[in-house]
């Protein structure tokens, strides 16, 4: 399979995963993955702690990796 197509399919899977999340996790993922905001900024925007943002992001990242591994 073409490597470009694989990347496009992976992006689509990730975007569907993000859209399926409830707030504030959806916003966390968008701010970190798409907007590339630092955790401190995200924490201020979401009115959460920096630790909450980091822990939640890495848990979601693990879920995304597992989801991609299934495909």
N, C-alpha and C. Protein backbone atom coordinates (compact mmCIF):
# COMPACT_ATOMS: atom_id res chain seq x y z
N UNK A 1 0.85 -1.19 0.00
CA UNK A 1 0.00 0.00 0.00
C UNK A 1 0.89 1.24 0.00
N UNK A 2 0.42 2.27 -0.67
CA UNK A 2 1.17 3.52 -0.76
C UNK A 2 1.31 4.15 0.62
N UNK A 3 2.53 4.59 0.95
CA UNK A 3 2.80 5.16 2.27
C UNK A 3 1.97 6.42 2.52
N UNK A 4 1.73 7.23 1.49
CA UNK A 4 0.93 8.44 1.64
C UNK A 4 -0.50 8.10 2.00
N UNK A 5 -1.06 7.09 1.38
CA UNK A 5 -2.43 6.67 1.68
C UNK A 5 -2.52 6.16 3.11
N UNK A 6 -1.54 5.43 3.55
CA UNK A 6 -1.54 4.92 4.92
C UNK A 6 -1.55 6.08 5.90
N UNK A 7 -0.76 7.08 5.65
CA UNK A 7 -0.73 8.25 6.53
C UNK A 7 -2.09 8.94 6.54
N UNK A 8 -2.71 9.08 5.38
CA UNK A 8 -4.01 9.73 5.30
C UNK A 8 -5.05 8.94 6.08
N UNK A 9 -5.02 7.63 5.97
CA UNK A 9 -5.96 6.79 6.71
C UNK A 9 -5.73 6.91 8.21
N UNK A 10 -4.46 6.96 8.63
CA UNK A 10 -4.15 7.12 10.04
C UNK A 10 -4.67 8.45 10.57
N UNK A 11 -4.51 9.50 9.79
CA UNK A 11 -4.99 10.82 10.19
C UNK A 11 -6.51 10.79 10.34
N UNK A 12 -7.20 10.15 9.42
CA UNK A 12 -8.65 10.05 9.49
C UNK A 12 -9.10 9.29 10.75
N UNK A 13 -8.39 8.22 11.09
CA UNK A 13 -8.70 7.45 12.29
C UNK A 13 -8.51 8.32 13.53
N UNK A 14 -7.40 9.05 13.57
CA UNK A 14 -7.11 9.91 14.72
C UNK A 14 -8.17 11.01 14.85
N UNK A 15 -8.54 11.62 13.73
CA UNK A 15 -9.55 12.69 13.79
C UNK A 15 -10.91 12.16 14.24
N UNK A 16 -11.29 10.96 13.78
CA UNK A 16 -12.54 10.35 14.25
C UNK A 16 -12.48 10.06 15.74
N UNK A 17 -11.32 9.61 16.21
CA UNK A 17 -11.14 9.35 17.64
C UNK A 17 -11.31 10.63 18.44
N UNK A 18 -10.69 11.70 17.98
CA UNK A 18 -10.80 12.99 18.68
C UNK A 18 -12.24 13.46 18.71
N UNK A 19 -12.93 13.38 17.58
CA UNK A 19 -14.32 13.83 17.51
C UNK A 19 -15.24 13.03 18.44
N UNK A 20 -14.89 11.78 18.70
CA UNK A 20 -15.72 10.92 19.54
C UNK A 20 -15.54 11.21 21.03
N UNK A 21 -14.52 11.98 21.39
CA UNK A 21 -14.25 12.27 22.80
C UNK A 21 -15.17 13.38 23.32
N UNK A 22 -15.42 13.33 24.61
CA UNK A 22 -16.21 14.37 25.26
C UNK A 22 -15.29 15.50 25.69
N UNK A 23 -15.89 16.65 25.94
CA UNK A 23 -15.14 17.78 26.48
C UNK A 23 -14.76 17.48 27.92
N UNK A 24 -13.66 17.90 28.43
CA UNK A 24 -12.61 18.74 27.84
C UNK A 24 -11.51 17.94 27.14
N UNK A 25 -11.67 16.61 27.07
CA UNK A 25 -10.63 15.80 26.45
C UNK A 25 -10.49 16.12 24.97
N UNK A 26 -11.60 16.34 24.28
CA UNK A 26 -11.55 16.70 22.86
C UNK A 26 -10.73 17.98 22.68
N UNK A 27 -11.00 18.98 23.48
CA UNK A 27 -10.25 20.24 23.37
C UNK A 27 -8.78 20.04 23.70
N UNK A 28 -8.48 19.23 24.69
CA UNK A 28 -7.09 18.93 25.04
C UNK A 28 -6.35 18.34 23.85
N UNK A 29 -6.96 17.35 23.20
CA UNK A 29 -6.31 16.70 22.06
C UNK A 29 -6.14 17.66 20.89
N UNK A 30 -7.14 18.48 20.62
CA UNK A 30 -7.04 19.45 19.53
C UNK A 30 -5.95 20.47 19.82
N UNK A 31 -5.96 21.01 21.03
CA UNK A 31 -4.97 22.03 21.38
C UNK A 31 -3.55 21.48 21.33
N UNK A 32 -3.37 20.24 21.74
CA UNK A 32 -2.02 19.66 21.78
C UNK A 32 -1.58 19.14 20.41
N UNK A 33 -2.43 18.35 19.75
CA UNK A 33 -2.02 17.70 18.51
C UNK A 33 -2.10 18.61 17.29
N UNK A 34 -3.11 19.44 17.23
CA UNK A 34 -3.31 20.26 16.04
C UNK A 34 -2.69 21.65 16.22
N UNK A 35 -3.01 22.29 17.35
CA UNK A 35 -2.49 23.64 17.59
C UNK A 35 -1.09 23.64 18.19
N UNK A 36 -0.64 22.48 18.67
CA UNK A 36 0.70 22.31 19.26
C UNK A 36 0.96 23.26 20.43
N UNK A 37 -0.06 23.48 21.23
CA UNK A 37 0.07 24.34 22.40
C UNK A 37 0.80 23.60 23.52
N UNK A 38 1.57 24.31 24.33
CA UNK A 38 2.22 23.68 25.49
C UNK A 38 1.17 23.35 26.56
N UNK A 39 1.51 22.38 27.41
CA UNK A 39 0.56 21.93 28.43
C UNK A 39 0.15 23.05 29.38
N UNK A 40 1.05 23.95 29.69
CA UNK A 40 0.71 25.06 30.58
C UNK A 40 -0.38 25.95 30.00
N UNK A 41 -0.27 26.23 28.72
CA UNK A 41 -1.29 27.04 28.04
C UNK A 41 -2.62 26.31 27.99
N UNK A 42 -2.57 25.03 27.67
CA UNK A 42 -3.79 24.21 27.61
C UNK A 42 -4.46 24.19 28.98
N UNK A 43 -3.67 24.02 30.02
CA UNK A 43 -4.21 24.00 31.39
C UNK A 43 -4.95 25.29 31.69
N UNK A 44 -4.39 26.42 31.31
CA UNK A 44 -5.05 27.71 31.53
C UNK A 44 -6.35 27.82 30.74
N UNK A 45 -6.33 27.40 29.49
CA UNK A 45 -7.52 27.48 28.63
C UNK A 45 -8.64 26.61 29.18
N UNK A 46 -8.29 25.39 29.61
CA UNK A 46 -9.31 24.43 30.06
C UNK A 46 -9.62 24.55 31.55
N UNK A 47 -8.91 25.43 32.24
CA UNK A 47 -9.08 25.59 33.69
C UNK A 47 -8.83 24.27 34.43
N UNK A 48 -7.77 23.60 34.01
CA UNK A 48 -7.33 22.34 34.62
C UNK A 48 -5.88 22.52 35.05
N UNK A 49 -5.36 21.54 35.78
CA UNK A 49 -3.95 21.62 36.17
C UNK A 49 -3.07 21.12 35.02
N UNK A 50 -1.83 21.54 35.07
CA UNK A 50 -0.84 21.09 34.10
C UNK A 50 -0.69 19.57 34.18
N UNK A 51 -0.70 19.03 35.38
CA UNK A 51 -0.55 17.58 35.58
C UNK A 51 -1.73 16.84 34.96
N UNK A 52 -2.95 17.35 35.16
CA UNK A 52 -4.13 16.72 34.57
C UNK A 52 -3.99 16.67 33.06
N UNK A 53 -3.55 17.76 32.47
CA UNK A 53 -3.40 17.81 31.01
C UNK A 53 -2.37 16.79 30.52
N UNK A 54 -1.24 16.73 31.19
CA UNK A 54 -0.19 15.79 30.79
C UNK A 54 -0.64 14.33 30.93
N UNK A 55 -1.20 14.00 32.07
CA UNK A 55 -1.61 12.62 32.33
C UNK A 55 -2.72 12.20 31.36
N UNK A 56 -3.71 13.06 31.20
CA UNK A 56 -4.83 12.75 30.31
C UNK A 56 -4.36 12.63 28.87
N UNK A 57 -3.48 13.54 28.45
CA UNK A 57 -2.97 13.48 27.08
C UNK A 57 -2.23 12.16 26.83
N UNK A 58 -1.37 11.77 27.74
CA UNK A 58 -0.61 10.55 27.51
C UNK A 58 -1.47 9.30 27.57
N UNK A 59 -2.53 9.33 28.36
CA UNK A 59 -3.50 8.21 28.35
C UNK A 59 -4.22 8.13 27.01
N UNK A 60 -4.62 9.27 26.50
CA UNK A 60 -5.30 9.31 25.20
C UNK A 60 -4.34 8.94 24.07
N UNK A 61 -3.10 9.37 24.19
CA UNK A 61 -2.08 9.03 23.19
C UNK A 61 -1.91 7.51 23.13
N UNK A 62 -1.89 6.86 24.29
CA UNK A 62 -1.77 5.40 24.34
C UNK A 62 -2.97 4.74 23.65
N UNK A 63 -4.17 5.29 23.87
CA UNK A 63 -5.36 4.75 23.22
C UNK A 63 -5.28 4.90 21.70
N UNK A 64 -4.76 6.04 21.25
CA UNK A 64 -4.62 6.27 19.80
C UNK A 64 -3.62 5.28 19.22
N UNK A 65 -2.50 5.08 19.89
CA UNK A 65 -1.49 4.13 19.42
C UNK A 65 -2.07 2.73 19.33
N UNK A 66 -2.83 2.33 20.35
CA UNK A 66 -3.46 1.01 20.35
C UNK A 66 -4.48 0.89 19.22
N UNK A 67 -5.23 1.95 18.99
CA UNK A 67 -6.23 1.96 17.93
C UNK A 67 -5.56 1.81 16.57
N UNK A 68 -4.46 2.52 16.36
CA UNK A 68 -3.74 2.43 15.08
C UNK A 68 -3.12 1.05 14.89
N UNK A 69 -2.71 0.43 15.97
CA UNK A 69 -2.11 -0.90 15.89
C UNK A 69 -3.14 -1.95 15.46
N UNK A 70 -4.40 -1.71 15.79
CA UNK A 70 -5.46 -2.63 15.41
C UNK A 70 -5.77 -2.56 13.93
N UNK A 71 -5.53 -1.42 13.33
CA UNK A 71 -5.89 -1.22 11.91
C UNK A 71 -4.95 -1.94 10.97
